[in-house]
Amino acid sequence: QVQLVESGGGLVQAGGSLRLSCAASGSIFIINAMRWSRQSPGKQRELVATIFSGGNTYYADSVKGRFTISRDNAKNTVYLQMNSLKPEDTAVYYCNIVDHRDRNYWGQGTQVTVSS
């Protein structure tokens, strides 16, 4: 059983910052990738950022230069530092991990609301 627990969401004014955390626990042997996605009402879930086991990262164009993904391998935790937030960043943010067998595990989501 693998569990992902997200934290750090909330309400912030435009231009502000938030830091999301996602801690994984359970029977995890090897994590290949850790990701953050988001979904706002009426829209499809969007991949925001990925960090691979070797440290390479990927960002959606909409967040490049504003968001930073990082991970603490010892703690099986992934972070998303979000700066210069915009109202369009409002969404439920989900973390997920991909293990060495390409199995995906998802967190429950955390709400981020950016007011204008």
N, C-alpha and C. Protein backbone atom coordinates (compact mmCIF):
# COMPACT_ATOMS: atom_id res chain seq x y z
N GLN A 1 0.84 -1.18 0.00
CA GLN A 1 0.00 0.00 0.00
C GLN A 1 0.89 1.24 0.00
N VAL A 2 0.59 2.16 -0.91
CA VAL A 2 1.34 3.41 -1.02
C VAL A 2 0.39 4.56 -0.73
N GLN A 3 0.85 5.47 0.09
CA GLN A 3 0.05 6.64 0.40
C GLN A 3 0.82 7.91 0.09
N LEU A 4 0.12 8.87 -0.48
CA LEU A 4 0.70 10.19 -0.75
C LEU A 4 -0.12 11.21 0.02
N VAL A 5 0.56 12.03 0.79
CA VAL A 5 -0.12 13.05 1.58
C VAL A 5 0.40 14.42 1.16
N GLU A 6 -0.51 15.23 0.63
CA GLU A 6 -0.16 16.56 0.15
C GLU A 6 -0.49 17.60 1.21
N SER A 7 0.25 18.69 1.19
CA SER A 7 -0.01 19.80 2.09
C SER A 7 0.52 21.07 1.47
N GLY A 8 0.10 22.20 2.02
CA GLY A 8 0.64 23.48 1.59
C GLY A 8 -0.28 24.33 0.75
N GLY A 9 -1.43 23.80 0.36
CA GLY A 9 -2.36 24.60 -0.42
C GLY A 9 -3.01 25.68 0.43
N GLY A 10 -3.73 26.56 -0.24
CA GLY A 10 -4.42 27.62 0.49
C GLY A 10 -4.81 28.76 -0.42
N LEU A 11 -5.14 29.87 0.21
CA LEU A 11 -5.57 31.09 -0.48
C LEU A 11 -4.43 32.11 -0.45
N VAL A 12 -4.12 32.67 -1.61
CA VAL A 12 -3.04 33.65 -1.69
C VAL A 12 -3.43 34.70 -2.71
N GLN A 13 -2.93 35.89 -2.54
CA GLN A 13 -3.19 36.96 -3.51
C GLN A 13 -2.28 36.80 -4.72
N ALA A 14 -2.72 37.32 -5.83
CA ALA A 14 -1.91 37.29 -7.04
C ALA A 14 -0.55 37.92 -6.76
N GLY A 15 0.49 37.27 -7.29
CA GLY A 15 1.85 37.72 -7.04
C GLY A 15 2.50 37.05 -5.85
N GLY A 16 1.70 36.34 -5.06
CA GLY A 16 2.23 35.69 -3.88
C GLY A 16 2.84 34.33 -4.18
N SER A 17 3.21 33.65 -3.10
CA SER A 17 3.89 32.35 -3.23
C SER A 17 3.26 31.32 -2.31
N LEU A 18 3.37 30.08 -2.73
CA LEU A 18 2.99 28.93 -1.91
C LEU A 18 3.98 27.81 -2.17
N ARG A 19 4.14 26.94 -1.18
CA ARG A 19 4.99 25.77 -1.35
C ARG A 19 4.18 24.52 -1.01
N LEU A 20 4.01 23.66 -1.99
CA LEU A 20 3.30 22.40 -1.79
C LEU A 20 4.30 21.30 -1.46
N SER A 21 3.85 20.39 -0.61
CA SER A 21 4.66 19.23 -0.26
C SER A 21 3.83 17.98 -0.47
N CYS A 22 4.51 16.90 -0.79
CA CYS A 22 3.84 15.61 -0.96
C CYS A 22 4.77 14.53 -0.44
N ALA A 23 4.35 13.87 0.61
CA ALA A 23 5.17 12.82 1.22
C ALA A 23 4.59 11.45 0.88
N ALA A 24 5.44 10.59 0.38
CA ALA A 24 5.03 9.23 0.03
C ALA A 24 5.47 8.25 1.10
N SER A 25 4.59 7.31 1.40
CA SER A 25 4.93 6.28 2.39
C SER A 25 4.34 4.95 1.94
N GLY A 26 4.85 3.89 2.55
CA GLY A 26 4.34 2.57 2.20
C GLY A 26 5.38 1.75 1.46
N SER A 27 4.90 0.81 0.68
CA SER A 27 5.79 -0.13 -0.01
C SER A 27 6.31 0.45 -1.31
N ILE A 28 7.24 1.38 -1.15
CA ILE A 28 7.85 2.01 -2.33
C ILE A 28 9.30 1.58 -2.39
N PHE A 29 9.69 0.98 -3.47
CA PHE A 29 11.07 0.52 -3.59
C PHE A 29 11.91 1.49 -4.40
N ILE A 30 11.45 1.79 -5.60
CA ILE A 30 12.19 2.71 -6.45
C ILE A 30 11.19 3.67 -7.08
N ILE A 31 11.47 4.96 -6.93
CA ILE A 31 10.62 5.97 -7.55
C ILE A 31 11.35 6.50 -8.77
N ASN A 32 10.74 6.37 -9.92
CA ASN A 32 11.35 6.88 -11.16
C ASN A 32 11.04 8.35 -11.39
N ALA A 33 9.84 8.76 -11.05
CA ALA A 33 9.47 10.15 -11.31
C ALA A 33 8.44 10.60 -10.27
N MET A 34 8.48 11.89 -9.99
CA MET A 34 7.50 12.49 -9.11
C MET A 34 6.93 13.70 -9.84
N ARG A 35 5.63 13.85 -9.79
CA ARG A 35 4.97 14.86 -10.61
C ARG A 35 3.95 15.67 -9.82
N TRP A 36 3.69 16.85 -10.31
CA TRP A 36 2.56 17.66 -9.87
C TRP A 36 1.68 17.94 -11.08
N SER A 37 0.39 17.74 -10.90
CA SER A 37 -0.60 18.08 -11.91
C SER A 37 -1.64 18.96 -11.24
N ARG A 38 -2.49 19.57 -12.06
CA ARG A 38 -3.56 20.39 -11.49
C ARG A 38 -4.80 20.28 -12.34
N GLN A 39 -5.91 20.54 -11.70
CA GLN A 39 -7.19 20.51 -12.41
C GLN A 39 -8.09 21.59 -11.84
N SER A 40 -8.61 22.40 -12.74
CA SER A 40 -9.57 23.42 -12.35
C SER A 40 -10.93 23.03 -12.92
N PRO A 41 -12.02 23.57 -12.36
CA PRO A 41 -13.37 23.15 -12.79
C PRO A 41 -13.57 23.30 -14.29
N GLY A 42 -14.09 22.24 -14.89
CA GLY A 42 -14.40 22.28 -16.31
C GLY A 42 -13.22 22.06 -17.22
N LYS A 43 -12.05 21.82 -16.65
CA LYS A 43 -10.86 21.62 -17.47
C LYS A 43 -10.24 20.25 -17.20
N GLN A 44 -9.48 19.80 -18.18
CA GLN A 44 -8.77 18.53 -18.00
C GLN A 44 -7.59 18.71 -17.05
N ARG A 45 -7.20 17.61 -16.44
CA ARG A 45 -6.04 17.65 -15.57
C ARG A 45 -4.80 17.97 -16.42
N GLU A 46 -3.98 18.86 -15.91
CA GLU A 46 -2.80 19.35 -16.63
C GLU A 46 -1.54 18.99 -15.87
N LEU A 47 -0.57 18.42 -16.57
CA LEU A 47 0.72 18.14 -15.94
C LEU A 47 1.47 19.46 -15.78
N VAL A 48 1.89 19.74 -14.57
CA VAL A 48 2.55 21.00 -14.27
C VAL A 48 4.07 20.84 -14.25
N ALA A 49 4.55 19.83 -13.54
CA ALA A 49 6.00 19.66 -13.41
C ALA A 49 6.32 18.21 -13.06
N THR A 50 7.49 17.78 -13.51
CA THR A 50 7.99 16.44 -13.24
C THR A 50 9.45 16.53 -12.84
N ILE A 51 9.84 15.69 -11.90
CA ILE A 51 11.25 15.54 -11.58
C ILE A 51 11.57 14.05 -11.62
N PHE A 52 12.60 13.72 -12.38
CA PHE A 52 12.97 12.33 -12.57
C PHE A 52 14.03 11.92 -11.55
N SER A 53 14.26 10.62 -11.48
CA SER A 53 15.18 10.10 -10.46
C SER A 53 16.58 10.68 -10.60
N GLY A 54 16.97 11.00 -11.82
CA GLY A 54 18.30 11.58 -12.02
C GLY A 54 18.38 13.07 -11.77
N GLY A 55 17.24 13.65 -11.49
CA GLY A 55 17.21 15.08 -11.19
C GLY A 55 16.73 15.96 -12.32
N ASN A 56 16.58 15.40 -13.51
CA ASN A 56 16.05 16.22 -14.61
C ASN A 56 14.61 16.65 -14.31
N THR A 57 14.27 17.80 -14.83
CA THR A 57 12.94 18.34 -14.58
C THR A 57 12.24 18.72 -15.87
N TYR A 58 10.92 18.78 -15.76
CA TYR A 58 10.08 19.23 -16.86
C TYR A 58 9.04 20.17 -16.28
N TYR A 59 8.75 21.24 -17.04
CA TYR A 59 7.72 22.18 -16.63
C TYR A 59 6.79 22.48 -17.79
N ALA A 60 5.52 22.65 -17.48
CA ALA A 60 4.59 23.15 -18.47
C ALA A 60 4.97 24.59 -18.80
N ASP A 61 4.72 24.98 -20.03
CA ASP A 61 5.07 26.34 -20.45
C ASP A 61 4.40 27.40 -19.57
N SER A 62 3.21 27.09 -19.10
CA SER A 62 2.45 28.07 -18.33
C SER A 62 3.08 28.38 -16.97
N VAL A 63 3.99 27.54 -16.50
CA VAL A 63 4.58 27.77 -15.17
C VAL A 63 6.09 27.96 -15.20
N LYS A 64 6.69 27.82 -16.37
CA LYS A 64 8.15 27.96 -16.47
C LYS A 64 8.60 29.31 -15.94
N GLY A 65 9.65 29.28 -15.13
CA GLY A 65 10.19 30.50 -14.58
C GLY A 65 9.50 30.95 -13.30
N ARG A 66 8.36 30.33 -12.97
CA ARG A 66 7.63 30.71 -11.75
C ARG A 66 7.57 29.58 -10.74
N PHE A 67 7.50 28.35 -11.22
CA PHE A 67 7.40 27.18 -10.34
C PHE A 67 8.71 26.40 -10.36
N THR A 68 9.03 25.80 -9.22
CA THR A 68 10.21 24.95 -9.12
C THR A 68 9.85 23.66 -8.40
N ILE A 69 10.14 22.54 -9.04
CA ILE A 69 9.90 21.24 -8.43
C ILE A 69 11.22 20.72 -7.87
N SER A 70 11.15 20.09 -6.70
CA SER A 70 12.34 19.52 -6.09
C SER A 70 11.92 18.28 -5.30
N ARG A 71 12.88 17.49 -4.90
CA ARG A 71 12.56 16.27 -4.19
C ARG A 71 13.61 15.99 -3.12
N ASP A 72 13.18 15.32 -2.08
CA ASP A 72 14.07 14.84 -1.04
C ASP A 72 13.96 13.32 -1.06
N ASN A 73 14.94 12.69 -1.65
CA ASN A 73 14.86 11.24 -1.83
C ASN A 73 14.83 10.50 -0.49
N ALA A 74 15.55 11.01 0.47
CA ALA A 74 15.60 10.33 1.77
C ALA A 74 14.24 10.32 2.44
N LYS A 75 13.44 11.34 2.14
CA LYS A 75 12.12 11.45 2.76
C LYS A 75 10.99 11.05 1.82
N ASN A 76 11.34 10.64 0.60
CA ASN A 76 10.32 10.33 -0.42
C ASN A 76 9.30 11.46 -0.53
N THR A 77 9.82 12.66 -0.58
CA THR A 77 8.96 13.85 -0.60
C THR A 77 9.28 14.70 -1.81
N VAL A 78 8.23 15.22 -2.43
CA VAL A 78 8.39 16.13 -3.56
C VAL A 78 7.74 17.46 -3.19
N TYR A 79 8.36 18.54 -3.66
CA TYR A 79 7.90 19.89 -3.35
C TYR A 79 7.59 20.63 -4.64
N LEU A 80 6.73 21.60 -4.54
CA LEU A 80 6.47 22.51 -5.64
C LEU A 80 6.44 23.92 -5.07
N GLN A 81 7.49 24.66 -5.36
CA GLN A 81 7.55 26.07 -4.97
C GLN A 81 6.89 26.89 -6.06
N MET A 82 5.87 27.62 -5.71
CA MET A 82 5.11 28.39 -6.68
C MET A 82 5.23 29.88 -6.35
N ASN A 83 5.85 30.62 -7.25
CA ASN A 83 6.04 32.05 -7.07
C ASN A 83 5.26 32.81 -8.14
N SER A 84 5.09 34.10 -7.90
CA SER A 84 4.38 34.96 -8.87
C SER A 84 3.06 34.33 -9.31
N LEU A 85 2.30 33.88 -8.34
CA LEU A 85 1.06 33.18 -8.65
C LEU A 85 0.05 34.09 -9.33
N LYS A 86 -0.72 33.48 -10.23
CA LYS A 86 -1.73 34.19 -11.00
C LYS A 86 -3.10 33.56 -10.71
N PRO A 87 -4.16 34.32 -10.93
CA PRO A 87 -5.49 33.73 -10.73
C PRO A 87 -5.71 32.46 -11.55
N GLU A 88 -5.11 32.39 -12.71
CA GLU A 88 -5.28 31.19 -13.54
C GLU A 88 -4.53 29.97 -13.01
N ASP A 89 -3.75 30.16 -11.96
CA ASP A 89 -3.12 29.01 -11.30
C ASP A 89 -4.06 28.33 -10.31
N THR A 90 -5.23 28.94 -10.09
CA THR A 90 -6.21 28.36 -9.19
C THR A 90 -6.65 26.99 -9.68
N ALA A 91 -6.51 25.99 -8.80
CA ALA A 91 -6.84 24.62 -9.18
C ALA A 91 -6.63 23.71 -7.98
N VAL A 92 -7.07 22.48 -8.12
CA VAL A 92 -6.67 21.44 -7.18
C VAL A 92 -5.38 20.83 -7.70
N TYR A 93 -4.37 20.81 -6.86
CA TYR A 93 -3.06 20.29 -7.25
C TYR A 93 -2.89 18.88 -6.69
N TYR A 94 -2.46 18.01 -7.59
CA TYR A 94 -2.27 16.59 -7.23
C TYR A 94 -0.81 16.20 -7.44
N CYS A 95 -0.28 15.43 -6.51
CA CYS A 95 1.03 14.85 -6.77
C CYS A 95 0.85 13.39 -7.15
N ASN A 96 1.76 12.89 -7.93
CA ASN A 96 1.78 11.46 -8.19
C ASN A 96 3.21 10.98 -8.36
N ILE A 97 3.41 9.74 -8.09
CA ILE A 97 4.72 9.14 -8.27
C ILE A 97 4.59 7.96 -9.22
N VAL A 98 5.67 7.71 -9.92
CA VAL A 98 5.75 6.58 -10.83
C VAL A 98 6.88 5.68 -10.33
N ASP A 99 6.56 4.42 -10.05
CA ASP A 99 7.62 3.56 -9.51
C ASP A 99 8.35 2.85 -10.64
N HIS A 100 9.24 1.96 -10.28
CA HIS A 100 10.11 1.31 -11.26
C HIS A 100 9.36 0.36 -12.18
N ARG A 101 8.11 0.06 -11.83
CA ARG A 101 7.27 -0.76 -12.71
C ARG A 101 6.24 0.08 -13.45
N ASP A 102 6.47 1.40 -13.48
CA ASP A 102 5.57 2.35 -14.15
C ASP A 102 4.17 2.37 -13.55
N ARG A 103 4.06 2.03 -12.29
CA ARG A 103 2.78 2.15 -11.60
C ARG A 103 2.66 3.57 -11.06
N ASN A 104 1.46 4.12 -11.22
CA ASN A 104 1.19 5.48 -10.77
C ASN A 104 0.40 5.47 -9.47
N TYR A 105 0.80 6.33 -8.56
CA TYR A 105 0.09 6.50 -7.30
C TYR A 105 -0.23 7.99 -7.16
N TRP A 106 -1.43 8.28 -6.68
CA TRP A 106 -1.90 9.68 -6.63
C TRP A 106 -2.25 10.09 -5.22
N GLY A 107 -2.02 11.37 -4.94
CA GLY A 107 -2.48 11.95 -3.71
C GLY A 107 -3.93 12.39 -3.83
N GLN A 108 -4.45 12.92 -2.72
CA GLN A 108 -5.87 13.28 -2.68
C GLN A 108 -6.12 14.68 -3.24
N GLY A 109 -5.07 15.45 -3.42
CA GLY A 109 -5.22 16.79 -3.96
C GLY A 109 -5.26 17.85 -2.88
N THR A 110 -4.76 19.02 -3.22
CA THR A 110 -4.81 20.16 -2.31
C THR A 110 -5.21 21.39 -3.10
N GLN A 111 -6.12 22.17 -2.55
CA GLN A 111 -6.69 23.33 -3.25
C GLN A 111 -5.74 24.52 -3.17
N VAL A 112 -5.50 25.12 -4.30
CA VAL A 112 -4.77 26.39 -4.38
C VAL A 112 -5.70 27.42 -5.01
N THR A 113 -5.91 28.51 -4.32
CA THR A 113 -6.77 29.57 -4.81
C THR A 113 -5.99 30.88 -4.82
N VAL A 114 -5.93 31.50 -5.99
CA VAL A 114 -5.21 32.76 -6.15
C VAL A 114 -6.22 33.85 -6.45
N SER A 115 -6.30 34.82 -5.58
CA SER A 115 -7.25 35.91 -5.76
C SER A 115 -6.61 37.07 -6.51
N SER A 116 -7.42 37.75 -7.27
CA SER A 116 -6.89 38.87 -8.08
C SER A 116 -6.95 40.19 -7.31
